[in-house]
């Protein structure tokens, strides 16, 4: 039995794995959580319906906009607020730029985990362009605090459209470079193909969502199945694969970057004029009842469940984070493989530990 973590550089966060081995072959993988637990759900019960949204930025910090979006949608559902069209388009643009930034970081880190250092610097070079756009618009680079019940906190920066168009032009050439550097590399393919297989039935059974499930041919993209904002008006594809191995999960994410780029391209020239925020009361009170909303983050389905007693704070909040269910399948995927394969399997799950250990 060996310990990986809780400070191992390949875990991308404070995760502790207790691994049972026979030689170098994995018999069992047991994740131990709790090293970065902050009791976020309990904290939310003492925060107002405006405040609790921003605690979720600290869970999956690479999908902070999308997490905030899911919370705002749940509050809007409870208050029956219709948000302006301009705010809807801005939200979707921010979501897809966030997804691109997240997948770029994943691509660089994934390649580095299996031994390729150069792609990491390329990924961060392109991601920096998105971070600069976010910083100019929201004032932050990681935890944005931009979504509010009724729309977005500020209107877009005057430079936003130009900078996003420049990024589209830049990234169209760079994503082909990504394929050239990593995807076709024989050593990389040997590390990824036929490793960490999970069948469609098992992916559903474990509750996997996002690219992890779609690589096993599970149709689960919330943007397609339960469209929100303007996703039902957009032309994009849900990317799936059938192989269910590490390479399939890698290819799904790379193709998703192309789809997100297409969505941004479709919306950037048709941002409607008008208000960026609906008029709401200073103090929000949800009617008594239960409310649920779901969004598609970079890692899968993020659900927000609120129980309200009619007051200014939630009686109970539960977050359904994608990383927790995806991690539960790690033992199933890793059994029978070598210890060196575990890093590749974990890399393709794209784990963000605070999202799991909330």
Protein backbone atom coordinates (compact mmCIF):
# COMPACT_ATOMS: atom_id res chain seq x y z
CA UNK A 1 0.00 0.00 0.00
CA UNK A 2 1.33 3.45 -0.91
CA UNK A 3 0.12 7.01 -0.40
CA UNK A 4 -0.14 9.48 -3.26
CA UNK A 5 -0.63 12.93 -1.78
CA UNK A 6 -1.92 14.88 -0.07
CA UNK A 7 0.89 17.05 -1.50
CA UNK A 8 1.72 15.16 -4.68
CA UNK A 9 2.31 17.51 -7.67
CA UNK A 10 0.20 15.36 -10.03
CA UNK A 11 -2.99 15.70 -7.98
CA UNK A 12 -3.71 19.37 -8.87
CA UNK A 13 -4.94 20.05 -5.37
CA UNK A 14 -4.91 18.53 -1.92
CA UNK A 15 -6.09 14.99 -2.72
CA UNK A 16 -4.90 11.89 -0.88
CA UNK A 17 -5.04 8.49 -2.58
CA UNK A 18 -4.35 5.24 -0.73
CA UNK A 19 -3.32 2.77 -3.45
CA UNK A 20 -3.09 -0.99 -3.05
CA UNK A 21 -0.53 -2.46 -5.46
CA UNK A 22 0.69 -5.89 -6.51
CA UNK A 23 4.09 -5.05 -7.92
CA UNK A 24 3.28 -2.02 -10.09
CA UNK A 25 -0.27 -3.15 -10.86
CA UNK A 26 -3.13 -1.26 -9.16
CA UNK A 27 -5.50 -3.45 -7.13
CA UNK A 28 -7.49 -0.64 -5.48
CA UNK A 29 -7.55 3.18 -5.32
CA UNK A 30 -9.17 4.80 -2.31
CA UNK A 31 -9.52 8.62 -2.38
CA UNK A 32 -9.39 10.39 1.01
CA UNK A 33 -10.99 13.83 1.03
CA UNK A 34 -11.22 16.57 3.62
CA UNK A 35 -7.93 18.45 3.33
CA UNK A 36 -9.50 21.54 1.75
CA UNK A 37 -13.03 21.27 3.17
CA UNK A 38 -14.52 24.70 3.98
CA UNK A 39 -18.16 23.79 4.71
CA UNK A 40 -19.36 25.97 1.83
CA UNK A 41 -22.93 24.61 1.81
CA UNK A 42 -23.33 25.40 5.54
CA UNK A 43 -21.80 28.86 5.09
CA UNK A 44 -24.41 29.63 2.41
CA UNK A 45 -27.23 29.26 4.97
CA UNK A 46 -26.00 32.43 6.72
CA UNK A 47 -25.50 34.44 3.50
CA UNK A 48 -28.09 36.40 1.54
CA UNK A 49 -29.30 35.37 -1.91
CA UNK A 50 -26.90 37.91 -3.41
CA UNK A 51 -23.90 36.88 -1.31
CA UNK A 52 -23.98 33.06 -1.48
CA UNK A 53 -23.45 33.06 -5.26
CA UNK A 54 -19.82 34.13 -4.93
CA UNK A 55 -18.82 31.38 -2.50
CA UNK A 56 -19.22 28.97 -5.44
CA UNK A 57 -16.36 30.73 -7.28
CA UNK A 58 -14.10 29.07 -4.73
CA UNK A 59 -15.28 25.53 -5.56
CA UNK A 60 -14.42 24.84 -9.20
CA UNK A 61 -12.33 27.99 -9.51
CA UNK A 62 -11.67 27.28 -13.21
CA UNK A 63 -15.43 27.47 -13.90
CA UNK A 64 -16.23 30.33 -11.53
CA UNK A 65 -18.42 32.26 -14.01
CA UNK A 66 -20.45 29.13 -14.79
CA UNK A 67 -20.88 28.21 -11.10
CA UNK A 68 -22.10 31.74 -10.38
CA UNK A 69 -24.40 31.49 -13.39
CA UNK A 70 -26.04 28.32 -12.03
CA UNK A 71 -26.70 29.98 -8.65
CA UNK A 72 -28.10 33.15 -10.27
CA UNK A 73 -30.46 31.04 -12.43
CA UNK A 74 -31.78 29.25 -9.33
CA UNK A 75 -32.50 32.53 -7.53
CA UNK A 76 -34.14 33.94 -10.69
CA UNK A 77 -36.32 30.83 -10.98
CA UNK A 78 -37.51 31.34 -7.38
CA UNK A 79 -38.22 35.05 -7.89
CA UNK A 80 -39.58 34.50 -11.45
CA UNK A 81 -37.31 37.21 -12.85
CA UNK A 82 -36.96 37.57 -16.63
CA UNK A 83 -33.51 38.90 -17.42
CA UNK A 84 -32.71 41.21 -20.39
CA UNK A 85 -31.53 39.67 -23.68
CA UNK A 86 -28.26 41.59 -23.46
CA UNK A 87 -27.50 40.00 -20.10
CA UNK A 88 -28.27 36.51 -21.47
CA UNK A 89 -25.80 36.90 -24.33
CA UNK A 90 -23.10 38.40 -22.06
CA UNK A 91 -23.52 35.47 -19.66
CA UNK A 92 -23.14 32.86 -22.40
CA UNK A 93 -20.09 34.65 -23.84
CA UNK A 94 -18.48 34.67 -20.40
CA UNK A 95 -19.36 31.02 -19.82
CA UNK A 96 -17.77 29.89 -23.08
CA UNK A 97 -14.63 32.01 -22.59
CA UNK A 98 -14.38 30.42 -19.12
CA UNK A 99 -14.76 26.93 -20.65
CA UNK A 100 -12.00 27.73 -23.15
CA UNK A 101 -9.67 29.02 -20.42
CA UNK A 102 -10.36 25.94 -18.29
CA UNK A 103 -9.76 23.49 -21.15
CA UNK A 104 -6.56 25.32 -22.09
CA UNK A 105 -5.19 24.94 -18.58
CA UNK A 106 -6.29 21.27 -18.55
CA UNK A 107 -4.58 20.61 -21.91
CA UNK A 108 -1.27 22.08 -20.73
CA UNK A 109 -1.38 20.31 -17.36
CA UNK A 110 -2.47 17.01 -18.91
CA UNK A 111 0.47 16.99 -21.31
CA UNK A 112 2.87 17.95 -18.51
CA UNK A 113 1.55 15.14 -16.27
CA UNK A 114 2.57 12.53 -18.84
CA UNK A 115 5.95 14.11 -19.52
CA UNK A 116 5.58 16.90 -22.11
CA UNK A 117 6.63 20.22 -20.58
CA UNK A 118 6.42 22.60 -23.58
CA UNK A 119 2.60 22.47 -24.10
CA UNK A 120 2.08 23.89 -20.61
CA UNK A 121 3.69 27.20 -21.61
CA UNK A 122 1.75 27.34 -24.89
CA UNK A 123 -1.55 26.76 -23.07
CA UNK A 124 -0.88 29.49 -20.53
CA UNK A 125 0.14 31.92 -23.27
CA UNK A 126 -3.32 31.66 -24.92
CA UNK A 127 -5.15 31.48 -21.60
CA UNK A 128 -3.53 34.74 -20.55
CA UNK A 129 -5.40 36.50 -23.40
CA UNK A 130 -8.74 35.37 -21.93
CA UNK A 131 -7.64 36.33 -18.40
CA UNK A 132 -6.83 39.84 -19.61
CA UNK A 133 -10.31 40.15 -21.17
CA UNK A 134 -11.88 38.96 -17.90
CA UNK A 135 -9.77 41.34 -15.84
CA UNK A 136 -10.74 44.32 -17.98
CA UNK A 137 -14.46 43.46 -17.83
CA UNK A 138 -14.90 42.03 -14.32
CA UNK A 139 -11.87 43.35 -12.44
CA UNK A 140 -10.70 39.82 -11.60
CA UNK A 141 -8.87 36.96 -13.29
CA UNK A 142 -10.00 33.85 -11.40
CA UNK A 143 -12.96 34.40 -9.06
CA UNK A 144 -14.94 36.89 -11.10
CA UNK A 145 -18.07 37.71 -8.99
CA UNK A 146 -19.73 38.99 -12.17
CA UNK A 147 -23.13 37.23 -12.29
CA UNK A 148 -25.93 38.73 -10.18
CA UNK A 149 -29.63 37.81 -9.85
CA UNK A 150 -31.18 39.64 -12.79
CA UNK A 151 -28.15 39.78 -15.10
CA UNK A 152 -24.51 40.84 -14.72
CA UNK A 153 -22.88 43.30 -12.35
CA UNK A 154 -21.41 45.67 -14.95
CA UNK A 155 -21.83 46.31 -18.64
CA UNK A 156 -19.13 45.12 -21.02
CA UNK A 157 -15.90 47.10 -21.35
CA UNK A 158 -15.77 49.17 -24.60
CA UNK A 159 -12.77 47.07 -25.74
CA UNK A 160 -14.53 43.74 -25.13
CA UNK A 161 -15.67 42.96 -28.68
CA UNK A 162 -12.37 43.91 -30.29
CA UNK A 163 -10.30 41.91 -27.82
CA UNK A 164 -12.52 38.82 -28.12
CA UNK A 165 -12.33 38.99 -31.95
CA UNK A 166 -8.55 39.24 -31.72
CA UNK A 167 -8.55 36.19 -29.45
CA UNK A 168 -10.74 34.22 -31.91
CA UNK A 169 -8.29 34.95 -34.73
CA UNK A 170 -5.32 34.00 -32.53
CA UNK A 171 -6.79 30.78 -31.13
CA UNK A 172 -8.00 29.40 -34.46
CA UNK A 173 -4.39 28.87 -35.47
CA UNK A 174 -3.22 27.80 -32.01
CA UNK A 175 -5.71 24.96 -31.60
CA UNK A 176 -4.28 23.33 -34.73
CA UNK A 177 -0.87 23.79 -33.13
CA UNK A 178 -2.18 21.93 -30.05
CA UNK A 179 -3.07 18.96 -32.25
CA UNK A 180 0.28 19.08 -33.97
CA UNK A 181 2.24 19.19 -30.70
CA UNK A 182 0.37 16.63 -28.60
CA UNK A 183 -2.58 14.82 -30.22
CA UNK A 184 -0.59 13.09 -32.96
CA UNK A 185 2.43 12.36 -30.77
CA UNK A 186 3.07 8.59 -30.73
CA UNK A 187 4.43 8.55 -27.16
CA UNK A 188 1.38 10.52 -25.93
CA UNK A 189 -1.03 8.17 -27.72
CA UNK A 190 0.68 5.11 -26.23
CA UNK A 191 0.23 6.59 -22.75
CA UNK A 192 -3.48 7.34 -23.36
CA UNK A 193 -5.05 4.70 -25.61
CA UNK A 194 -6.71 1.66 -23.95
CA UNK A 195 -5.98 3.19 -20.53
CA UNK A 196 -8.66 4.07 -17.94
CA UNK A 197 -11.59 2.56 -19.85
CA UNK A 198 -15.12 3.07 -18.54
CA UNK A 199 -18.20 1.79 -20.38
CA UNK A 200 -21.31 3.81 -21.10
CA UNK A 201 -23.32 1.82 -18.52
CA UNK A 202 -20.68 2.26 -15.81
CA UNK A 203 -20.29 5.99 -16.55
CA UNK A 204 -24.05 6.41 -16.04
CA UNK A 205 -23.98 4.20 -12.92
CA UNK A 206 -21.23 6.28 -11.29
CA UNK A 207 -23.06 9.54 -12.15
CA UNK A 208 -20.26 10.81 -14.40
CA UNK A 209 -21.04 13.94 -16.42
CA UNK A 210 -19.21 16.32 -18.74
CA UNK A 211 -16.40 15.18 -21.06
CA UNK A 212 -15.71 12.18 -18.77
CA UNK A 213 -19.15 10.75 -19.55
CA UNK A 214 -19.39 11.98 -23.14
CA UNK A 215 -16.18 10.11 -24.02
CA UNK A 216 -18.13 6.94 -23.14
CA UNK A 217 -21.00 7.92 -25.49
CA UNK A 218 -23.27 9.34 -22.77
CA UNK A 219 -25.32 12.29 -24.04
CA UNK A 220 -25.36 14.62 -21.04
CA UNK A 221 -24.64 18.20 -22.20
CA UNK A 222 -27.02 20.41 -20.18
CA UNK A 223 -26.72 23.12 -22.84
CA UNK A 224 -28.41 20.72 -25.29
CA UNK A 225 -30.72 18.68 -23.01
CA UNK A 226 -32.01 21.53 -20.80
CA UNK A 227 -31.05 24.74 -22.67
CA UNK A 228 -30.75 27.93 -20.65
CA UNK A 229 -30.25 31.57 -21.72
CA UNK A 230 -29.65 31.58 -25.52
CA UNK A 231 -28.13 28.10 -25.99
CA UNK A 232 -31.26 26.86 -27.80
CA UNK A 233 -30.68 29.50 -30.51
CA UNK A 234 -27.04 28.57 -31.15
CA UNK A 235 -25.55 26.19 -33.67
CA UNK A 236 -23.10 23.86 -31.89
CA UNK A 237 -22.56 20.13 -31.44
CA UNK A 238 -22.47 17.96 -28.36
CA UNK A 239 -19.13 16.18 -28.67
CA UNK A 240 -19.22 12.47 -27.82
CA UNK A 241 -16.88 9.50 -28.38
CA UNK A 242 -17.31 5.76 -28.01
CA UNK A 243 -13.91 4.47 -26.88
CA UNK A 244 -14.29 5.50 -23.22
CA UNK A 245 -10.52 5.61 -22.59
CA UNK A 246 -8.10 8.40 -21.69
CA UNK A 247 -7.51 9.32 -25.34
CA UNK A 248 -11.28 9.61 -25.97
CA UNK A 249 -11.63 11.97 -22.99
CA UNK A 250 -8.70 13.99 -24.31
CA UNK A 251 -10.23 14.25 -27.81
CA UNK A 252 -13.67 15.27 -26.45
CA UNK A 253 -12.14 18.24 -24.59
CA UNK A 254 -10.03 19.33 -27.55
CA UNK A 255 -13.12 19.24 -29.82
CA UNK A 256 -15.14 21.11 -27.16
CA UNK A 257 -12.64 23.98 -27.41
CA UNK A 258 -13.52 24.27 -31.10
CA UNK A 259 -17.25 24.31 -30.27
CA UNK A 260 -16.84 26.97 -27.57
CA UNK A 261 -14.84 29.07 -30.02
CA UNK A 262 -17.70 28.71 -32.54
CA UNK A 263 -20.28 29.82 -29.93
CA UNK A 264 -18.23 32.91 -29.04
CA UNK A 265 -17.84 33.68 -32.75
CA UNK A 266 -21.61 33.42 -33.32
CA UNK A 267 -22.48 35.79 -30.47
CA UNK A 268 -19.75 38.42 -30.47
CA UNK A 269 -21.26 40.49 -33.32
CA UNK A 270 -24.92 40.21 -32.19
CA UNK A 271 -24.80 41.41 -28.57
CA UNK A 272 -28.19 43.15 -28.17
CA UNK A 273 -28.47 46.71 -26.96
CA UNK A 274 -30.37 47.45 -23.74
CA UNK A 275 -30.03 46.84 -20.02
CA UNK A 276 -27.43 44.44 -18.65
CA UNK A 277 -29.43 43.85 -15.46
CA UNK A 278 -33.13 43.54 -14.59
CA UNK A 279 -34.46 45.70 -11.79
CA UNK A 280 -34.56 43.76 -8.52
CA UNK A 281 -35.18 44.62 -4.88
CA UNK A 282 -32.21 45.48 -2.70
CA UNK A 283 -33.05 42.61 -0.34
CA UNK A 284 -34.12 39.40 -2.05
CA UNK A 285 -36.56 36.94 -0.45
CA UNK A 286 -37.33 33.68 -2.20
CA UNK A 287 -40.89 32.37 -1.67
CA UNK A 288 -41.23 29.28 0.48
CA UNK A 289 -40.41 26.18 -1.56
CA UNK A 290 -37.68 24.18 -3.28
CA UNK A 291 -35.79 25.34 -6.38
CA UNK A 292 -33.24 23.62 -8.62
CA UNK A 293 -31.15 24.76 -11.56
CA UNK A 294 -28.35 23.12 -13.54
CA UNK A 295 -25.63 24.33 -15.87
CA UNK A 296 -22.81 22.73 -17.87
CA UNK A 297 -19.43 23.63 -16.41
CA UNK A 298 -16.10 22.73 -17.97
CA UNK A 299 -16.14 19.50 -15.93
CA UNK A 300 -19.82 18.53 -16.21
CA UNK A 301 -23.21 19.14 -14.62
CA UNK A 302 -23.31 21.63 -11.76
CA UNK A 303 -26.62 21.61 -9.87
CA UNK A 304 -27.91 24.13 -7.31
CA UNK A 305 -30.70 23.03 -4.95
CA UNK A 306 -32.22 25.65 -2.63
CA UNK A 307 -34.83 25.11 0.09
CA UNK A 308 -36.38 28.42 1.13
CA UNK A 309 -38.50 29.19 4.18
CA UNK A 310 -39.42 32.60 2.75
CA UNK A 311 -36.62 34.52 4.49
CA UNK A 312 -33.62 36.49 3.28
CA UNK A 313 -31.23 33.52 3.57
CA UNK A 314 -31.62 29.93 2.32
CA UNK A 315 -32.85 27.32 4.80
CA UNK A 316 -30.67 24.73 3.03
CA UNK A 317 -28.41 24.66 -0.03
CA UNK A 318 -26.96 21.60 -1.77
CA UNK A 319 -24.50 21.76 -4.65
CA UNK A 320 -24.19 18.88 -7.09
CA UNK A 321 -20.61 19.26 -8.29
CA UNK A 322 -19.37 17.24 -11.28
CA UNK A 323 -15.92 16.42 -9.87
CA UNK A 324 -17.25 14.35 -6.95
CA UNK A 325 -19.09 11.83 -9.14
CA UNK A 326 -16.28 11.73 -11.71
CA UNK A 327 -13.73 10.99 -8.97
CA UNK A 328 -15.87 8.11 -7.68
CA UNK A 329 -15.15 6.25 -10.94
CA UNK A 330 -11.34 6.53 -10.53
CA UNK A 331 -10.97 3.19 -8.72
CA UNK A 332 -13.00 1.42 -11.43
CA UNK A 333 -10.92 3.00 -14.21
CA UNK A 334 -7.52 2.38 -12.60
CA UNK A 335 -7.78 -1.25 -11.50
CA UNK A 336 -5.46 -3.54 -13.42
CA UNK A 337 -3.35 -0.67 -14.79
CA UNK A 338 0.18 0.29 -13.78
CA UNK A 339 0.89 3.00 -11.20
CA UNK A 340 2.28 5.19 -14.02
CA UNK A 341 -1.10 5.05 -15.80
CA UNK A 342 -2.87 6.53 -12.77
CA UNK A 343 -1.50 10.01 -13.50
CA UNK A 344 -2.85 9.86 -17.09
CA UNK A 345 -6.27 8.68 -15.84
CA UNK A 346 -6.49 11.43 -13.22
CA UNK A 347 -5.39 14.00 -15.79
CA UNK A 348 -8.22 13.09 -18.17
CA UNK A 349 -10.77 13.32 -15.34
CA UNK A 350 -9.73 17.00 -15.00
CA UNK A 351 -10.12 17.07 -11.22
CA UNK A 352 -10.37 20.37 -9.35
CA UNK A 353 -10.22 19.30 -5.73
CA UNK A 354 -12.10 22.20 -4.03
CA UNK A 355 -15.04 21.35 -6.34
CA UNK A 356 -15.06 17.83 -4.83
CA UNK A 357 -14.12 18.67 -1.25
CA UNK A 358 -16.48 21.55 -0.60
